[in-house]
């Protein structure tokens, strides 16, 4: 399946629109990850722990998006938008949502 942020697929023609699809992932960060990420932030550098969690959430959201598009008979999703939010008590959870238009391309 083709997943793209552009409104079309280069060299392919959209023959049918199947509808808007979305995928979401909400992951909680645990206390130890927060503690070690805080230490990393104090001494400088990147927080690999949070980067991995963010990547995992993004992959889950895109997999759900792809699955929902396939259920509609699409072979591509165009105009994909990724949104990131922190939520929950003390902003302890990360939400990634992906949305786009499921289409059939030739």
C-alpha atoms as a PDB file:
ATOM      1  CA  UNK A   1       0.000   0.000   0.000  1.00  0.00           C
ATOM      2  CA  UNK A   2       1.227   3.479  -0.864  1.00  0.00           C
ATOM      3  CA  UNK A   3       1.134   5.972   2.012  1.00  0.00           C
ATOM      4  CA  UNK A   4       1.982   9.582   1.129  1.00  0.00           C
ATOM      5  CA  UNK A   5       1.603  13.073   2.513  1.00  0.00           C
ATOM      6  CA  UNK A   6       1.054  14.455  -0.982  1.00  0.00           C
ATOM      7  CA  UNK A   7      -2.454  14.857  -2.461  1.00  0.00           C
ATOM      8  CA  UNK A   8      -1.655  12.484  -5.323  1.00  0.00           C
ATOM      9  CA  UNK A   9       0.736   9.698  -6.277  1.00  0.00           C
ATOM     10  CA  UNK A  10       3.275  10.710  -8.904  1.00  0.00           C
ATOM     11  CA  UNK A  11       2.719   8.792 -12.135  1.00  0.00           C
ATOM     12  CA  UNK A  12      -0.485   7.124 -10.875  1.00  0.00           C
ATOM     13  CA  UNK A  13      -4.112   8.123 -11.439  1.00  0.00           C
ATOM     14  CA  UNK A  14      -6.663   8.116  -8.622  1.00  0.00           C
ATOM     15  CA  UNK A  15      -9.667   6.164  -9.876  1.00  0.00           C
ATOM     16  CA  UNK A  16     -11.765   6.006  -6.697  1.00  0.00           C
ATOM     17  CA  UNK A  17     -12.016   7.743  -3.353  1.00  0.00           C
ATOM     18  CA  UNK A  18     -12.907   5.397  -0.478  1.00  0.00           C
ATOM     19  CA  UNK A  19     -13.092   7.931   2.347  1.00  0.00           C
ATOM     20  CA  UNK A  20     -11.155   9.441   5.202  1.00  0.00           C
ATOM     21  CA  UNK A  21      -9.250   6.976   7.363  1.00  0.00           C
ATOM     22  CA  UNK A  22      -7.382   7.412  10.629  1.00  0.00           C
ATOM     23  CA  UNK A  23      -5.156   5.486  12.975  1.00  0.00           C
ATOM     24  CA  UNK A  24      -4.261   6.361  16.544  1.00  0.00           C
ATOM     25  CA  UNK A  25      -1.775   5.191  19.113  1.00  0.00           C
ATOM     26  CA  UNK A  26      -1.609   6.248  22.733  1.00  0.00           C
ATOM     27  CA  UNK A  27       1.419   5.178  24.733  1.00  0.00           C
ATOM     28  CA  UNK A  28       2.250   5.881  28.354  1.00  0.00           C
ATOM     29  CA  UNK A  29       5.746   6.647  29.513  1.00  0.00           C
ATOM     30  CA  UNK A  30       6.666   4.876  32.713  1.00  0.00           C
ATOM     31  CA  UNK A  31       8.351   6.342  35.770  1.00  0.00           C
ATOM     32  CA  UNK A  32      11.824   4.922  35.099  1.00  0.00           C
ATOM     33  CA  UNK A  33      11.851   6.127  31.504  1.00  0.00           C
ATOM     34  CA  UNK A  34      10.801   9.591  32.711  1.00  0.00           C
ATOM     35  CA  UNK A  35      13.515   9.611  35.356  1.00  0.00           C
ATOM     36  CA  UNK A  36      16.311   8.628  32.977  1.00  0.00           C
ATOM     37  CA  UNK A  37      15.049  10.954  30.248  1.00  0.00           C
ATOM     38  CA  UNK A  38      15.071  13.770  32.820  1.00  0.00           C
ATOM     39  CA  UNK A  39      18.687  13.016  33.693  1.00  0.00           C
ATOM     40  CA  UNK A  40      19.581  12.984  30.001  1.00  0.00           C
ATOM     41  CA  UNK A  41      17.866  16.344  29.555  1.00  0.00           C
ATOM     42  CA  UNK A  42      19.836  17.807  32.488  1.00  0.00           C
ATOM     43  CA  UNK A  43      23.209  16.764  31.104  1.00  0.00           C
ATOM     44  CA  UNK A  44      22.290  17.488  27.506  1.00  0.00           C
ATOM     45  CA  UNK A  45      21.832  15.309  24.499  1.00  0.00           C
ATOM     46  CA  UNK A  46      18.877  13.536  22.997  1.00  0.00           C
ATOM     47  CA  UNK A  47      16.448  11.323  24.838  1.00  0.00           C
ATOM     48  CA  UNK A  48      16.694   8.040  22.954  1.00  0.00           C
ATOM     49  CA  UNK A  49      14.001   6.515  25.161  1.00  0.00           C
ATOM     50  CA  UNK A  50      11.398   9.074  24.143  1.00  0.00           C
ATOM     51  CA  UNK A  51      12.511   8.980  20.513  1.00  0.00           C
ATOM     52  CA  UNK A  52      11.937   5.214  20.432  1.00  0.00           C
ATOM     53  CA  UNK A  53       8.499   5.584  22.056  1.00  0.00           C
ATOM     54  CA  UNK A  54       7.560   8.272  19.561  1.00  0.00           C
ATOM     55  CA  UNK A  55       8.701   6.110  16.648  1.00  0.00           C
ATOM     56  CA  UNK A  56       6.749   3.131  18.013  1.00  0.00           C
ATOM     57  CA  UNK A  57       3.570   5.215  18.364  1.00  0.00           C
ATOM     58  CA  UNK A  58       3.948   6.609  14.831  1.00  0.00           C
ATOM     59  CA  UNK A  59       4.396   3.107  13.369  1.00  0.00           C
ATOM     60  CA  UNK A  60       1.279   1.828  15.187  1.00  0.00           C
ATOM     61  CA  UNK A  61      -0.815   4.777  13.980  1.00  0.00           C
ATOM     62  CA  UNK A  62       0.323   4.291  10.370  1.00  0.00           C
ATOM     63  CA  UNK A  63      -0.340   0.527  10.536  1.00  0.00           C
ATOM     64  CA  UNK A  64      -3.894   1.189  11.739  1.00  0.00           C
ATOM     65  CA  UNK A  65      -4.368   3.774   8.988  1.00  0.00           C
ATOM     66  CA  UNK A  66      -3.205   1.256   6.386  1.00  0.00           C
ATOM     67  CA  UNK A  67      -5.438  -1.500   7.786  1.00  0.00           C
ATOM     68  CA  UNK A  68      -8.537   0.712   7.704  1.00  0.00           C
ATOM     69  CA  UNK A  69      -7.777   1.796   4.140  1.00  0.00           C
ATOM     70  CA  UNK A  70      -7.385  -1.834   3.048  1.00  0.00           C
ATOM     71  CA  UNK A  71     -10.751  -2.679   4.649  1.00  0.00           C
ATOM     72  CA  UNK A  72     -12.293  -0.052   2.341  1.00  0.00           C
ATOM     73  CA  UNK A  73     -10.659  -1.609  -0.722  1.00  0.00           C
ATOM     74  CA  UNK A  74      -8.042   1.105  -1.151  1.00  0.00           C
ATOM     75  CA  UNK A  75      -4.495   0.534  -2.320  1.00  0.00           C
ATOM     76  CA  UNK A  76      -3.161   3.956  -1.287  1.00  0.00           C
ATOM     77  CA  UNK A  77      -3.697   6.716   1.252  1.00  0.00           C
ATOM     78  CA  UNK A  78      -3.005  10.296   0.144  1.00  0.00           C
ATOM     79  CA  UNK A  79      -2.783  13.547   2.067  1.00  0.00           C
ATOM     80  CA  UNK A  80      -1.564  11.817   5.222  1.00  0.00           C
ATOM     81  CA  UNK A  81      -1.207  14.104   8.235  1.00  0.00           C
ATOM     82  CA  UNK A  82       0.529  13.104  11.464  1.00  0.00           C
ATOM     83  CA  UNK A  83      -0.395  14.823  14.721  1.00  0.00           C
ATOM     84  CA  UNK A  84       1.337  14.484  18.079  1.00  0.00           C
ATOM     85  CA  UNK A  85      -0.200  15.321  21.456  1.00  0.00           C
ATOM     86  CA  UNK A  86       0.652  14.786  25.093  1.00  0.00           C
ATOM     87  CA  UNK A  87      -2.266  13.948  27.325  1.00  0.00           C
ATOM     88  CA  UNK A  88      -3.332  12.381  30.577  1.00  0.00           C
ATOM     89  CA  UNK A  89      -2.464  13.179  34.138  1.00  0.00           C
ATOM     90  CA  UNK A  90       0.765  15.218  34.254  1.00  0.00           C
ATOM     91  CA  UNK A  91       1.050  14.797  30.468  1.00  0.00           C
ATOM     92  CA  UNK A  92       2.174  11.213  31.015  1.00  0.00           C
ATOM     93  CA  UNK A  93       0.830   9.844  27.751  1.00  0.00           C
ATOM     94  CA  UNK A  94       1.750  10.406  24.137  1.00  0.00           C
ATOM     95  CA  UNK A  95      -0.830  10.239  21.348  1.00  0.00           C
ATOM     96  CA  UNK A  96       0.032  10.026  17.684  1.00  0.00           C
ATOM     97  CA  UNK A  97      -2.751  10.179  15.126  1.00  0.00           C
ATOM     98  CA  UNK A  98      -2.485   9.687  11.390  1.00  0.00           C
ATOM     99  CA  UNK A  99      -5.252  10.569   8.964  1.00  0.00           C
ATOM    100  CA  UNK A 100      -5.627  10.700   5.220  1.00  0.00           C
ATOM    101  CA  UNK A 101      -7.840   9.815   2.266  1.00  0.00           C
ATOM    102  CA  UNK A 102      -8.077   6.179   1.199  1.00  0.00           C
ATOM    103  CA  UNK A 103      -7.990   5.886  -2.594  1.00  0.00           C
ATOM    104  CA  UNK A 104      -7.609   3.423  -5.421  1.00  0.00           C
ATOM    105  CA  UNK A 105      -4.777   4.239  -7.841  1.00  0.00           C
ATOM    106  CA  UNK A 106      -3.871   2.681 -11.182  1.00  0.00           C
END
